[in-house]
Protein backbone atom coordinates (compact mmCIF):
# COMPACT_ATOMS: atom_id res chain seq x y z
CA MET A 1 132.46 46.62 138.19
CA ASN A 2 134.97 49.40 137.64
CA ASP A 3 133.48 50.07 134.20
CA VAL A 4 130.00 50.43 135.68
CA THR A 5 131.31 52.76 138.39
CA THR A 6 133.12 54.89 135.80
CA TRP A 7 129.97 55.06 133.64
CA ALA A 8 127.77 56.00 136.63
CA ALA A 9 130.20 58.69 137.72
CA GLY A 10 130.45 60.16 134.26
CA MET A 11 126.73 60.17 133.54
CA PRO A 12 125.87 63.36 135.52
CA ALA A 13 128.61 65.26 133.72
CA ALA A 14 127.39 64.04 130.34
CA VAL A 15 123.81 64.85 131.22
CA ALA A 16 124.87 68.26 132.44
CA MET A 17 126.76 68.88 129.21
CA LEU A 18 123.77 67.76 127.13
CA LEU A 19 121.46 70.02 129.08
CA ASP A 20 123.86 72.95 129.22
CA ILE A 21 123.85 73.80 125.49
CA PRO A 22 120.06 73.53 124.94
CA LEU A 23 119.47 75.53 128.12
CA LYS A 24 121.79 78.30 126.97
CA ILE A 25 120.16 78.34 123.54
CA LEU A 26 116.74 78.50 125.15
CA LEU A 27 117.79 81.41 127.38
CA ILE A 28 119.26 83.26 124.39
CA LEU A 29 116.08 82.78 122.38
CA ILE A 30 113.90 83.85 125.30
CA GLY A 31 116.06 86.94 125.80
CA ALA A 32 115.95 87.79 122.10
CA PHE A 33 112.19 87.33 122.06
CA ALA A 34 111.78 89.55 125.13
CA VAL A 35 113.94 92.29 123.58
CA ARG A 36 111.95 92.00 120.36
CA VAL A 37 108.66 92.40 122.24
CA ILE A 38 109.96 95.48 124.09
CA VAL A 39 111.32 97.08 120.90
CA HIS A 40 108.10 96.37 119.02
CA ARG A 41 106.07 98.00 121.79
CA ILE A 42 108.25 101.09 121.57
CA VAL A 43 107.85 101.12 117.80
CA ASP A 44 104.08 100.68 118.12
CA ARG A 45 104.00 103.71 120.43
CA ILE A 46 105.90 105.71 117.84
CA ALA A 47 103.49 104.54 115.15
CA GLU A 48 100.54 105.49 117.36
CA GLY A 49 102.08 108.93 117.79
CA ILE A 50 102.28 109.26 114.03
CA ALA A 51 98.66 108.15 113.69
CA GLN A 52 97.58 110.76 116.23
CA GLY A 53 99.68 113.46 114.56
CA THR A 54 102.14 113.86 117.47
CA ALA A 55 105.25 112.32 115.88
CA GLY A 56 107.75 113.63 113.37
CA LEU A 57 108.45 117.35 113.65
CA GLY A 58 105.30 117.99 115.67
CA ARG A 59 101.56 117.98 115.38
CA LEU A 60 99.86 119.05 112.20
CA ASP A 61 98.30 122.03 113.97
CA GLU A 62 101.80 123.19 114.92
CA LYS A 63 103.16 122.82 111.39
CA LEU A 64 100.01 124.11 109.68
CA PRO A 65 97.95 125.97 112.31
CA THR A 66 95.57 127.36 109.71
CA ALA A 67 94.98 123.96 108.18
CA THR A 68 93.41 122.42 111.26
CA ALA A 69 91.36 125.55 111.88
CA ILE A 70 89.96 125.26 108.36
CA LEU A 71 89.77 121.50 107.89
CA GLY A 72 89.20 120.35 111.46
CA THR A 73 89.36 116.59 111.87
CA SER A 74 89.48 115.76 108.16
CA PRO A 75 89.02 112.07 107.24
CA LEU A 76 91.68 112.57 104.56
CA LEU A 77 94.23 113.78 107.09
CA SER A 78 93.33 110.92 109.42
CA ALA A 79 93.74 108.38 106.62
CA ARG A 80 97.11 109.84 105.69
CA ARG A 81 98.29 109.59 109.30
CA GLN A 82 97.09 105.99 109.55
CA GLN A 83 98.96 105.14 106.35
CA ARG A 84 102.14 106.75 107.68
CA ALA A 85 101.77 104.88 110.96
CA ARG A 86 101.43 101.49 109.26
CA THR A 87 104.34 102.10 106.91
CA THR A 88 106.71 103.46 109.56
CA GLY A 89 105.78 100.79 112.10
CA SER A 90 106.28 97.98 109.60
CA ILE A 91 109.70 99.28 108.53
CA LEU A 92 110.99 99.79 112.07
CA ASN A 93 109.64 96.45 113.32
CA SER A 94 111.21 94.57 110.42
CA ALA A 95 114.57 96.28 110.96
CA ALA A 96 114.49 95.58 114.71
CA THR A 97 113.60 91.91 114.17
CA ALA A 98 116.45 91.49 111.68
CA VAL A 99 119.04 93.06 114.00
CA ILE A 100 117.91 91.08 117.04
CA GLY A 101 117.87 87.84 115.03
CA ILE A 102 121.42 88.40 113.74
CA VAL A 103 122.72 89.15 117.25
CA ALA A 104 121.02 86.01 118.63
CA LEU A 105 122.45 83.87 115.84
CA LEU A 106 125.99 85.14 116.45
CA THR A 107 125.54 84.39 120.16
CA VAL A 108 124.33 80.84 119.56
CA LEU A 109 126.95 79.76 117.00
CA PRO A 110 129.86 79.45 119.51
CA LEU A 111 127.79 76.94 121.51
CA PHE A 112 128.08 74.54 118.55
CA GLY A 113 131.81 75.10 118.24
CA VAL A 114 131.51 77.61 115.41
CA PRO A 115 133.71 80.64 116.18
CA ASN A 116 131.96 83.92 115.52
CA ALA A 117 135.12 86.02 115.41
CA PRO A 118 135.79 85.27 111.71
CA LEU A 119 132.14 85.93 110.94
CA LEU A 120 132.27 89.26 112.76
CA THR A 121 135.47 90.18 110.95
CA SER A 122 134.01 89.22 107.59
CA ALA A 123 130.79 91.04 108.39
CA SER A 124 132.75 94.13 109.39
CA ILE A 125 134.74 94.11 106.15
CA LEU A 126 131.60 93.46 104.12
CA GLY A 127 129.76 96.19 106.04
CA VAL A 128 132.51 98.72 105.33
CA ALA A 129 132.55 97.78 101.64
CA LEU A 130 128.77 97.98 101.39
CA GLY A 131 128.75 101.22 103.37
CA ILE A 132 131.18 102.83 100.95
CA GLY A 133 129.40 101.51 97.89
CA ALA A 134 125.86 102.07 99.17
CA GLN A 135 126.13 105.52 100.71
CA THR A 136 123.64 106.88 98.21
CA LEU A 137 121.21 104.02 98.87
CA VAL A 138 121.39 104.53 102.64
CA LYS A 139 120.91 108.27 102.16
CA ASP A 140 117.84 107.68 99.98
CA ILE A 141 116.30 105.22 102.45
CA LEU A 142 116.84 107.46 105.48
CA ALA A 143 115.44 110.45 103.62
CA GLY A 144 112.41 108.40 102.53
CA LEU A 145 111.80 107.19 106.08
CA PHE A 146 111.79 110.74 107.46
CA MET A 147 109.56 111.96 104.62
CA ILE A 148 106.99 109.30 105.49
CA MET A 149 107.20 110.00 109.24
CA GLU A 150 106.89 113.77 108.79
CA ASP A 151 104.12 113.50 106.18
CA GLN A 152 105.85 115.89 103.81
CA TYR A 153 103.66 114.57 100.99
CA GLY A 154 101.55 111.57 100.08
CA VAL A 155 100.00 109.84 97.10
CA GLY A 156 97.74 112.24 95.22
CA ASP A 157 99.49 115.42 96.39
CA LEU A 158 100.64 117.99 93.86
CA VAL A 159 104.22 118.84 94.75
CA ASP A 160 107.28 120.71 93.53
CA LEU A 161 110.45 118.76 94.35
CA GLY A 162 112.79 121.10 92.55
CA HIS A 163 113.90 118.41 90.08
CA ALA A 164 110.33 117.73 88.98
CA GLN A 165 106.77 118.90 89.55
CA GLY A 166 103.60 116.88 89.38
CA THR A 167 101.16 114.61 91.17
CA VAL A 168 102.63 111.99 93.50
CA GLU A 169 101.81 108.48 92.31
CA GLY A 170 104.03 106.55 94.69
CA VAL A 171 106.17 107.18 97.77
CA GLY A 172 108.83 104.59 98.50
CA LEU A 173 111.81 104.43 100.81
CA ARG A 174 114.21 104.97 97.91
CA VAL A 175 112.33 106.88 95.20
CA THR A 176 109.24 109.03 94.73
CA ARG A 177 107.19 108.77 91.53
CA LEU A 178 105.68 111.93 90.04
CA ARG A 179 103.37 112.39 87.05
CA ASP A 180 103.79 115.84 85.50
CA ALA A 181 101.29 117.87 83.48
CA ASP A 182 102.58 116.39 80.20
CA GLY A 183 102.02 112.85 81.46
CA SER A 184 105.69 112.01 81.97
CA LEU A 185 106.42 109.79 84.97
CA TRP A 186 109.40 111.04 86.99
CA TYR A 187 111.42 108.94 89.42
CA VAL A 188 113.09 111.19 91.98
CA ARG A 189 115.55 109.72 94.50
CA ASN A 190 114.57 110.73 98.02
CA GLY A 191 118.13 111.55 99.00
CA GLU A 192 118.31 114.18 96.23
CA ILE A 193 115.19 116.05 97.41
CA ILE A 194 116.37 119.23 99.13
CA ARG A 195 113.07 121.08 99.31
CA VAL A 196 109.40 120.16 98.94
CA GLY A 197 106.62 122.49 97.89
CA ASN A 198 103.28 120.82 98.62
CA HIS A 199 100.23 122.42 96.98
CA SER A 200 97.80 119.97 98.59
CA GLN A 201 98.19 120.51 102.34
CA GLY A 202 95.91 122.76 104.34
CA TRP A 203 94.88 125.46 101.90
CA ALA A 204 95.97 127.29 98.76
CA ARG A 205 95.67 130.80 97.39
CA ALA A 206 94.69 132.22 94.02
CA VAL A 207 96.78 135.35 93.50
CA LEU A 208 96.30 137.62 90.48
CA ASP A 209 98.30 140.66 89.45
CA VAL A 210 96.19 143.09 87.45
CA ALA A 211 98.16 145.74 85.55
CA VAL A 212 96.27 148.90 84.57
CA PRO A 213 97.34 152.29 83.19
CA PRO A 214 98.57 154.71 85.87
CA GLY A 215 96.12 157.16 87.35
CA GLU A 216 94.63 157.67 90.79
CA GLU A 217 91.03 157.33 89.65
CA ILE A 218 91.69 154.19 87.60
CA VAL A 219 93.57 152.56 90.49
CA ARG A 220 90.81 153.35 92.95
CA ARG A 221 88.05 152.05 90.67
CA THR A 222 90.10 148.97 89.77
CA GLN A 223 90.53 147.99 93.42
CA ALA A 224 86.80 148.37 94.06
CA VAL A 225 85.90 146.34 90.96
CA LEU A 226 88.40 143.57 91.79
CA LEU A 227 87.01 143.17 95.31
CA ASP A 228 83.44 143.16 94.00
CA VAL A 229 84.27 140.54 91.35
CA ALA A 230 86.06 138.34 93.88
CA ARG A 231 83.09 138.47 96.24
CA ALA A 232 80.75 137.58 93.37
CA VAL A 233 82.91 134.59 92.48
CA ALA A 234 82.96 133.53 96.16
CA ALA A 235 79.16 133.61 96.15
CA ASP A 236 78.90 131.53 92.98
CA PRO A 237 77.20 128.21 93.84
CA VAL A 238 79.73 126.31 91.73
CA LEU A 239 82.81 127.88 93.35
CA THR A 240 81.66 128.81 96.85
CA ARG A 241 82.83 125.47 98.28
CA ASP A 242 86.30 126.07 96.86
CA ILE A 243 86.83 129.49 98.46
CA ILE A 244 87.82 129.98 102.09
CA GLY A 245 87.30 133.26 103.88
CA GLU A 246 86.94 136.75 102.48
CA PRO A 247 88.75 137.75 99.25
CA GLN A 248 91.33 140.49 99.68
CA VAL A 249 92.77 143.21 97.48
CA TRP A 250 96.28 143.68 98.78
CA GLY A 251 96.66 146.98 96.96
CA VAL A 252 99.36 148.37 94.70
CA GLU A 253 102.08 145.77 94.26
CA GLY A 254 104.23 147.58 91.70
CA VAL A 255 104.49 150.83 89.80
CA ALA A 256 106.08 151.42 86.39
CA VAL A 257 106.06 154.21 83.84
CA ASP A 258 103.19 152.70 81.85
CA LYS A 259 101.31 150.60 84.42
CA VAL A 260 100.30 150.08 88.03
CA VAL A 261 100.09 146.49 89.32
CA ILE A 262 97.27 145.70 91.77
CA ARG A 263 97.22 142.34 93.56
CA LEU A 264 94.10 140.29 94.33
CA ALA A 265 94.27 137.27 96.68
CA VAL A 266 91.63 134.62 97.36
CA ARG A 267 92.23 131.71 99.72
CA THR A 268 90.98 128.38 98.39
CA GLU A 269 90.80 124.69 99.11
CA PRO A 270 93.95 122.74 98.12
CA LEU A 271 94.39 122.33 94.35
CA ARG A 272 91.41 124.57 93.62
CA GLN A 273 93.36 127.81 93.24
CA TRP A 274 93.77 127.41 89.49
CA ASP A 275 90.07 126.94 88.77
CA VAL A 276 89.25 129.91 90.98
CA ALA A 277 91.93 132.01 89.25
CA ARG A 278 90.50 131.15 85.82
CA ALA A 279 87.02 132.17 86.93
CA LEU A 280 88.40 135.42 88.36
CA ARG A 281 90.20 136.29 85.11
CA ALA A 282 87.06 135.73 83.02
CA ARG A 283 84.88 137.76 85.40
CA ILE A 284 87.44 140.57 85.67
CA LEU A 285 87.60 140.98 81.88
CA GLU A 286 83.80 141.04 81.64
CA ARG A 287 83.44 143.50 84.48
CA PHE A 288 86.15 145.83 83.18
CA GLU A 289 84.32 146.00 79.87
CA GLU A 290 81.01 146.74 81.62
CA GLU A 291 82.58 149.46 83.80
CA GLY A 292 84.37 151.07 80.87
CA LEU A 293 87.76 150.47 82.46
CA PRO A 294 90.83 149.98 80.24
CA THR A 295 91.58 146.36 79.42
CA PRO A 296 94.21 145.15 81.91
CA VAL A 297 97.74 145.31 80.56
CA GLY A 298 98.51 142.08 82.42
CA LEU A 299 96.35 139.56 84.22
CA GLU A 300 98.40 136.71 85.59
CA ARG A 301 99.57 134.96 88.70
CA PRO A 302 102.76 136.40 90.21
CA VAL A 303 105.86 134.22 90.27
CA ALA A 304 106.34 134.50 94.04
CA PRO A 305 103.19 135.67 95.87
CA ALA A 306 103.52 137.13 99.34
CA ASN A 307 102.38 135.08 102.32
């Protein structure tokens, strides 16, 4: 009788103990799931902002006001934003899920009698060691994440990264792959990229410096001929789609003892400036010969054209 009484009295405590641990685990999992849902919604809003062009350093029309005026709502720009949104959202969601899962696991382990203090200590030591040894990796990944979010460049863009120039074939979190004009494939670590020159965003410009012998009459006639040639090229059915706006002769760019440099500028679609410049050179040589003007001393693109 005493044994039965003892068993009956102890049963609620045992039941309570059995229910206590599963209940706590359930509450922890529910809390972790709720936090995950909230974080994912925040991330999805960020990704939507990227897709709409309102994330990163600002809207595209704020970074490139002329680009949106020229291109409007380009399907290419929209596709690039959608790609950025998917990539950024996936990365942030995966990172958030991993962090929340680790925190939940460390919270649950003590309920089974496993102390988490040694694990936290070991994780801290391991984290410090990895942090010291993987500083470059972390730097590359963070730089790659911001490059994707800010749409500094994408696959197919022609860029100058300082270390290498070429067409982007792949953009990863750690490295960017470039194919240069010789066909070499360059792997550039994102953390080492200090500046980016993108020839494929918005618009480009064909700029030619034409050097002719000094003389007021020659300079005046040269400017008139250059503007006429540029307008003829802009009206060419083959090139008219590549040229944006009215060609401009910026005037005398430099003066030397034996020559006067006159600058011609034509705004073009991205990556079309070189074809337009080649057509301009050929037409300028033909027209100079027709007009009886001296053959240009120099006919090339300047190293650093004015904006």
